[in-house]
Every structure is written in structure tokens, then in C-alpha cells.
Amino acid sequence: MNIEEFRDYCLSKKYVTECFPFDEKTLVFKVANKMFALSGLEHQPSTINLKCDPEKSIQLREEYCDIIEGFHMSKKHWNTISIEGGLHNDFIIELIDHSYDLVVKGMTKKIQKELGFI
């Protein structure tokens, strides 16, 4: 997966916006104003940061060399993933979906209902 494919997939999800809140090099994706993915555009090969369940984070880091602790993020809740390495696109999409779903589940039931998630 390249960075354009990553961007297109993130933007295809419901209520997602993109922005540069930190600097002109860090692209952030939010669902209903809550961050679920970001990428430092200056990194080569391309990497992304995704939210992840803490137990699953540890398991993924042990199993895949292209997944490490979240760079400049909470190591407990975020992973940095090399998207131009050996990981299959379908697997990267699963990880993006997992991050998105975690953020949605963390919203209040009222907001989830207003946005049509429940």
C-alpha cells in the first residue's frame, strides 16, 4: 500500500476528515473530530500510526517486524506500521478499520446514535 492508497481508504470511511493540526508534514485523519490515523509524510518508506487495543498491540509487534510502538504516541495505544513493507494491503486495511472502530466505540452512545453508528 502506498500513502495515496492509505489516504483514499481513510477518506472513504464514514465521517472522516483530514487535517494538518501539528505541522505541514503530519497528515491526521479523524472520525467525528477524533484522531484514528496519522502519517508523517516525510518518512520513507511510508509509515502510519494507528490506534490499537493494548493487548493486540503487543501481539502485533511480536509477530510483525513492520509494526512497532507508536512513534511520538502513547506506546500502549498506538502502533507505527510500515505500509510499504511486507504487510499485505488487506491486513493494513484491517488495522485501519480496527483503529477507526476503536475510536467510534469510545464515543458516547449519544454521539454514536446521532452519527448513525448504532
N, C-alpha and C. Protein backbone atom coordinates (compact mmCIF):
# COMPACT_ATOMS: atom_id res chain seq x y z
N MET A 1 0.86 -1.17 0.00
CA MET A 1 0.00 0.00 0.00
C MET A 1 0.90 1.23 0.00
N ASN A 2 0.54 2.20 -0.80
CA ASN A 2 1.29 3.45 -0.77
C ASN A 2 0.49 4.50 0.00
N ILE A 3 1.08 5.66 0.19
CA ILE A 3 0.45 6.69 1.01
C ILE A 3 -0.84 7.22 0.38
N GLU A 4 -0.92 7.25 -0.94
CA GLU A 4 -2.14 7.71 -1.60
C GLU A 4 -3.29 6.72 -1.39
N GLU A 5 -2.98 5.44 -1.47
CA GLU A 5 -3.99 4.41 -1.22
C GLU A 5 -4.47 4.47 0.23
N PHE A 6 -3.53 4.67 1.15
CA PHE A 6 -3.88 4.83 2.56
C PHE A 6 -4.83 6.01 2.74
N ARG A 7 -4.48 7.14 2.16
CA ARG A 7 -5.30 8.35 2.27
C ARG A 7 -6.69 8.11 1.69
N ASP A 8 -6.75 7.54 0.49
CA ASP A 8 -8.04 7.29 -0.16
C ASP A 8 -8.92 6.37 0.69
N TYR A 9 -8.31 5.34 1.28
CA TYR A 9 -9.10 4.41 2.08
C TYR A 9 -9.64 5.10 3.33
N CYS A 10 -8.78 5.85 4.02
CA CYS A 10 -9.24 6.56 5.22
C CYS A 10 -10.39 7.50 4.89
N LEU A 11 -10.26 8.25 3.80
CA LEU A 11 -11.29 9.21 3.44
C LEU A 11 -12.59 8.55 2.95
N SER A 12 -12.53 7.28 2.60
CA SER A 12 -13.73 6.58 2.15
C SER A 12 -14.63 6.17 3.33
N LYS A 13 -14.10 6.26 4.53
CA LYS A 13 -14.84 5.85 5.71
C LYS A 13 -15.79 6.97 6.17
N LYS A 14 -16.84 6.59 6.83
CA LYS A 14 -17.90 7.49 7.25
C LYS A 14 -17.40 8.56 8.23
N TYR A 15 -17.72 9.83 7.96
CA TYR A 15 -17.42 10.98 8.81
C TYR A 15 -15.93 11.24 9.01
N VAL A 16 -15.11 10.88 8.06
CA VAL A 16 -13.66 11.10 8.18
C VAL A 16 -13.27 12.41 7.52
N THR A 17 -12.41 13.13 8.22
CA THR A 17 -11.80 14.34 7.69
C THR A 17 -10.29 14.23 7.83
N GLU A 18 -9.59 15.02 7.04
CA GLU A 18 -8.12 15.06 7.14
C GLU A 18 -7.69 16.47 7.48
N CYS A 19 -6.56 16.58 8.16
CA CYS A 19 -6.05 17.89 8.53
C CYS A 19 -4.57 17.79 8.88
N PHE A 20 -3.96 18.93 9.08
CA PHE A 20 -2.56 19.04 9.49
C PHE A 20 -2.48 19.85 10.79
N PRO A 21 -2.94 19.30 11.92
CA PRO A 21 -3.01 20.10 13.15
C PRO A 21 -1.66 20.34 13.83
N PHE A 22 -0.66 19.53 13.54
CA PHE A 22 0.62 19.63 14.22
C PHE A 22 1.65 20.43 13.43
N ASP A 23 1.75 20.13 12.15
CA ASP A 23 2.68 20.80 11.25
C ASP A 23 2.28 20.45 9.82
N GLU A 24 3.03 20.94 8.83
CA GLU A 24 2.67 20.71 7.43
C GLU A 24 3.11 19.34 6.91
N LYS A 25 3.75 18.53 7.77
CA LYS A 25 4.24 17.22 7.35
C LYS A 25 3.47 16.05 7.95
N THR A 26 2.61 16.32 8.93
CA THR A 26 1.91 15.23 9.63
C THR A 26 0.43 15.28 9.28
N LEU A 27 0.03 14.34 8.43
CA LEU A 27 -1.35 14.24 7.97
C LEU A 27 -2.15 13.41 8.97
N VAL A 28 -3.24 13.99 9.48
CA VAL A 28 -4.07 13.35 10.50
C VAL A 28 -5.46 13.08 9.95
N PHE A 29 -5.97 11.89 10.26
CA PHE A 29 -7.34 11.53 9.89
C PHE A 29 -8.16 11.39 11.17
N LYS A 30 -9.34 12.00 11.13
CA LYS A 30 -10.24 11.99 12.28
C LYS A 30 -11.61 11.48 11.87
N VAL A 31 -12.25 10.77 12.78
CA VAL A 31 -13.65 10.41 12.61
C VAL A 31 -14.42 11.22 13.65
N ALA A 32 -15.33 12.04 13.17
CA ALA A 32 -16.11 12.91 14.05
C ALA A 32 -15.20 13.67 15.01
N ASN A 33 -14.12 14.20 14.48
CA ASN A 33 -13.16 15.04 15.20
C ASN A 33 -12.29 14.29 16.21
N LYS A 34 -12.22 12.97 16.12
CA LYS A 34 -11.36 12.16 16.99
C LYS A 34 -10.33 11.44 16.11
N MET A 35 -9.06 11.59 16.44
CA MET A 35 -7.97 11.05 15.63
C MET A 35 -7.95 9.51 15.68
N PHE A 36 -7.84 8.89 14.49
CA PHE A 36 -7.68 7.44 14.43
C PHE A 36 -6.48 7.01 13.59
N ALA A 37 -5.91 7.92 12.81
CA ALA A 37 -4.76 7.58 11.97
C ALA A 37 -3.97 8.84 11.65
N LEU A 38 -2.67 8.67 11.47
CA LEU A 38 -1.84 9.77 11.03
C LEU A 38 -0.61 9.23 10.33
N SER A 39 0.02 10.11 9.56
CA SER A 39 1.23 9.73 8.84
C SER A 39 2.15 10.93 8.73
N GLY A 40 3.42 10.69 9.02
CA GLY A 40 4.45 11.70 8.78
C GLY A 40 4.84 11.59 7.32
N LEU A 41 4.45 12.55 6.53
CA LEU A 41 4.62 12.46 5.08
C LEU A 41 6.09 12.48 4.64
N GLU A 42 6.98 12.89 5.52
CA GLU A 42 8.40 12.93 5.16
C GLU A 42 9.09 11.58 5.33
N HIS A 43 8.42 10.61 5.95
CA HIS A 43 9.03 9.31 6.20
C HIS A 43 9.10 8.46 4.92
N GLN A 44 10.24 7.89 4.68
CA GLN A 44 10.42 6.95 3.56
C GLN A 44 11.17 5.73 4.08
N PRO A 45 10.64 4.53 3.96
CA PRO A 45 9.33 4.23 3.37
C PRO A 45 8.20 4.78 4.24
N SER A 46 7.03 4.85 3.65
CA SER A 46 5.87 5.44 4.32
C SER A 46 5.46 4.63 5.54
N THR A 47 5.16 5.36 6.62
CA THR A 47 4.64 4.74 7.83
C THR A 47 3.37 5.46 8.25
N ILE A 48 2.55 4.73 9.00
CA ILE A 48 1.32 5.31 9.54
C ILE A 48 1.24 4.94 11.01
N ASN A 49 0.55 5.76 11.77
CA ASN A 49 0.25 5.45 13.17
C ASN A 49 -1.22 5.15 13.27
N LEU A 50 -1.54 4.03 13.93
CA LEU A 50 -2.93 3.64 14.12
C LEU A 50 -3.17 3.27 15.57
N LYS A 51 -4.34 3.60 16.04
CA LYS A 51 -4.76 3.21 17.38
C LYS A 51 -4.98 1.69 17.39
N CYS A 52 -4.72 1.07 18.54
CA CYS A 52 -4.87 -0.38 18.63
C CYS A 52 -5.17 -0.78 20.07
N ASP A 53 -5.95 -1.82 20.22
CA ASP A 53 -6.19 -2.41 21.53
C ASP A 53 -4.83 -2.76 22.15
N PRO A 54 -4.58 -2.42 23.42
CA PRO A 54 -3.27 -2.63 24.03
C PRO A 54 -2.74 -4.07 23.95
N GLU A 55 -3.57 -5.05 24.20
CA GLU A 55 -3.11 -6.44 24.12
C GLU A 55 -2.80 -6.84 22.69
N LYS A 56 -3.63 -6.41 21.78
CA LYS A 56 -3.40 -6.70 20.36
C LYS A 56 -2.13 -6.01 19.87
N SER A 57 -1.86 -4.79 20.38
CA SER A 57 -0.64 -4.06 20.01
C SER A 57 0.60 -4.89 20.28
N ILE A 58 0.66 -5.45 21.46
CA ILE A 58 1.83 -6.25 21.85
C ILE A 58 1.97 -7.45 20.94
N GLN A 59 0.87 -8.14 20.71
CA GLN A 59 0.88 -9.33 19.85
C GLN A 59 1.36 -8.99 18.43
N LEU A 60 0.84 -7.89 17.87
CA LEU A 60 1.22 -7.50 16.52
C LEU A 60 2.70 -7.15 16.43
N ARG A 61 3.22 -6.45 17.43
CA ARG A 61 4.64 -6.06 17.43
C ARG A 61 5.55 -7.27 17.53
N GLU A 62 5.11 -8.28 18.26
CA GLU A 62 5.91 -9.50 18.38
C GLU A 62 5.89 -10.32 17.10
N GLU A 63 4.78 -10.25 16.38
CA GLU A 63 4.60 -11.09 15.20
C GLU A 63 5.12 -10.46 13.90
N TYR A 64 5.09 -9.13 13.79
CA TYR A 64 5.43 -8.46 12.54
C TYR A 64 6.54 -7.43 12.75
N CYS A 65 7.61 -7.56 11.98
CA CYS A 65 8.71 -6.60 12.10
C CYS A 65 8.33 -5.23 11.53
N ASP A 66 7.28 -5.14 10.71
CA ASP A 66 6.83 -3.87 10.15
C ASP A 66 5.88 -3.12 11.08
N ILE A 67 5.66 -3.64 12.30
CA ILE A 67 4.80 -2.98 13.28
C ILE A 67 5.61 -2.77 14.55
N ILE A 68 5.72 -1.50 14.95
CA ILE A 68 6.48 -1.15 16.16
C ILE A 68 5.64 -0.23 17.05
N GLU A 69 6.18 0.10 18.22
CA GLU A 69 5.49 1.03 19.12
C GLU A 69 5.24 2.34 18.40
N GLY A 70 4.14 2.97 18.73
CA GLY A 70 3.76 4.23 18.09
C GLY A 70 4.80 5.31 18.27
N PHE A 71 5.30 5.83 17.16
CA PHE A 71 6.29 6.91 17.15
C PHE A 71 5.63 8.20 17.60
N HIS A 72 6.15 8.82 18.65
CA HIS A 72 5.61 10.06 19.22
C HIS A 72 4.17 9.92 19.69
N MET A 73 3.77 8.72 20.08
CA MET A 73 2.40 8.48 20.53
C MET A 73 2.45 7.63 21.79
N SER A 74 1.31 7.43 22.42
CA SER A 74 1.22 6.53 23.55
C SER A 74 1.59 5.12 23.07
N LYS A 75 2.63 4.57 23.64
CA LYS A 75 3.10 3.23 23.22
C LYS A 75 2.07 2.16 23.54
N LYS A 76 1.21 2.43 24.50
CA LYS A 76 0.21 1.45 24.90
C LYS A 76 -0.92 1.35 23.88
N HIS A 77 -1.28 2.48 23.28
CA HIS A 77 -2.48 2.52 22.44
C HIS A 77 -2.23 2.74 20.95
N TRP A 78 -0.99 2.96 20.55
CA TRP A 78 -0.71 3.27 19.15
C TRP A 78 0.45 2.44 18.62
N ASN A 79 0.33 2.04 17.36
CA ASN A 79 1.40 1.35 16.63
C ASN A 79 1.82 2.18 15.43
N THR A 80 3.08 2.07 15.08
CA THR A 80 3.58 2.63 13.82
C THR A 80 3.77 1.45 12.87
N ILE A 81 3.23 1.59 11.67
CA ILE A 81 3.21 0.50 10.70
C ILE A 81 3.86 0.95 9.41
N SER A 82 4.81 0.16 8.93
CA SER A 82 5.41 0.42 7.63
C SER A 82 4.47 -0.14 6.58
N ILE A 83 3.87 0.75 5.78
CA ILE A 83 2.86 0.29 4.82
C ILE A 83 3.45 -0.11 3.48
N GLU A 84 4.73 0.17 3.28
CA GLU A 84 5.37 -0.22 2.01
C GLU A 84 6.33 -1.38 2.23
N GLY A 85 6.12 -2.10 3.32
CA GLY A 85 6.97 -3.24 3.63
C GLY A 85 6.33 -4.54 3.20
N GLY A 86 6.39 -5.53 4.07
CA GLY A 86 5.92 -6.87 3.74
C GLY A 86 4.48 -7.17 4.11
N LEU A 87 3.77 -6.19 4.64
CA LEU A 87 2.38 -6.43 5.04
C LEU A 87 1.45 -6.32 3.83
N HIS A 88 0.48 -7.24 3.76
CA HIS A 88 -0.49 -7.22 2.67
C HIS A 88 -1.48 -6.07 2.86
N ASN A 89 -1.94 -5.53 1.76
CA ASN A 89 -2.90 -4.42 1.80
C ASN A 89 -4.15 -4.77 2.60
N ASP A 90 -4.66 -5.98 2.44
CA ASP A 90 -5.87 -6.39 3.17
C ASP A 90 -5.64 -6.34 4.68
N PHE A 91 -4.45 -6.73 5.12
CA PHE A 91 -4.12 -6.69 6.54
C PHE A 91 -4.01 -5.25 7.03
N ILE A 92 -3.40 -4.39 6.25
CA ILE A 92 -3.30 -2.97 6.62
C ILE A 92 -4.70 -2.36 6.71
N ILE A 93 -5.58 -2.73 5.80
CA ILE A 93 -6.96 -2.25 5.84
C ILE A 93 -7.65 -2.72 7.12
N GLU A 94 -7.41 -3.96 7.53
CA GLU A 94 -7.97 -4.47 8.79
C GLU A 94 -7.49 -3.64 9.97
N LEU A 95 -6.21 -3.26 9.96
CA LEU A 95 -5.65 -2.47 11.05
C LEU A 95 -6.24 -1.05 11.07
N ILE A 96 -6.45 -0.48 9.89
CA ILE A 96 -7.10 0.84 9.79
C ILE A 96 -8.53 0.74 10.34
N ASP A 97 -9.25 -0.29 9.92
CA ASP A 97 -10.62 -0.49 10.39
C ASP A 97 -10.67 -0.65 11.90
N HIS A 98 -9.71 -1.41 12.46
CA HIS A 98 -9.65 -1.63 13.90
C HIS A 98 -9.47 -0.29 14.63
N SER A 99 -8.57 0.54 14.14
CA SER A 99 -8.33 1.85 14.74
C SER A 99 -9.59 2.71 14.68
N TYR A 100 -10.19 2.78 13.52
CA TYR A 100 -11.42 3.55 13.32
C TYR A 100 -12.52 3.07 14.28
N ASP A 101 -12.70 1.75 14.33
CA ASP A 101 -13.74 1.17 15.19
C ASP A 101 -13.49 1.46 16.67
N LEU A 102 -12.23 1.41 17.11
CA LEU A 102 -11.91 1.73 18.49
C LEU A 102 -12.32 3.16 18.83
N VAL A 103 -12.04 4.08 17.93
CA VAL A 103 -12.38 5.48 18.17
C VAL A 103 -13.90 5.66 18.20
N VAL A 104 -14.60 5.03 17.28
CA VAL A 104 -16.07 5.12 17.26
C VAL A 104 -16.64 4.54 18.55
N LYS A 105 -16.14 3.39 18.98
CA LYS A 105 -16.64 2.75 20.21
C LYS A 105 -16.36 3.61 21.44
N GLY A 106 -15.36 4.45 21.39
CA GLY A 106 -15.03 5.32 22.50
C GLY A 106 -15.91 6.56 22.59
N MET A 107 -16.71 6.79 21.57
CA MET A 107 -17.62 7.94 21.59
C MET A 107 -18.82 7.62 22.48
N THR A 108 -19.46 8.65 22.96
CA THR A 108 -20.67 8.42 23.76
C THR A 108 -21.74 7.77 22.89
N LYS A 109 -22.63 7.05 23.54
CA LYS A 109 -23.74 6.41 22.81
C LYS A 109 -24.57 7.46 22.09
N LYS A 110 -24.72 8.62 22.69
CA LYS A 110 -25.50 9.70 22.08
C LYS A 110 -24.87 10.12 20.75
N ILE A 111 -23.55 10.34 20.74
CA ILE A 111 -22.87 10.73 19.51
C ILE A 111 -22.92 9.60 18.49
N GLN A 112 -22.70 8.37 18.95
CA GLN A 112 -22.78 7.23 18.03
C GLN A 112 -24.15 7.16 17.37
N LYS A 113 -25.18 7.40 18.13
CA LYS A 113 -26.54 7.36 17.59
C LYS A 113 -26.78 8.52 16.63
N GLU A 114 -26.34 9.73 17.00
CA GLU A 114 -26.50 10.90 16.13
C GLU A 114 -25.83 10.69 14.78
N LEU A 115 -24.68 10.01 14.79
CA LEU A 115 -23.93 9.79 13.56
C LEU A 115 -24.37 8.53 12.81
N GLY A 116 -25.29 7.78 13.39
CA GLY A 116 -25.81 6.60 12.71
C GLY A 116 -24.95 5.34 12.85
N PHE A 117 -24.08 5.32 13.86
CA PHE A 117 -23.26 4.12 14.08
C PHE A 117 -24.04 3.05 14.84
N ILE A 118 -25.06 3.46 15.59
CA ILE A 118 -25.91 2.48 16.31
C ILE A 118 -27.35 2.83 16.07
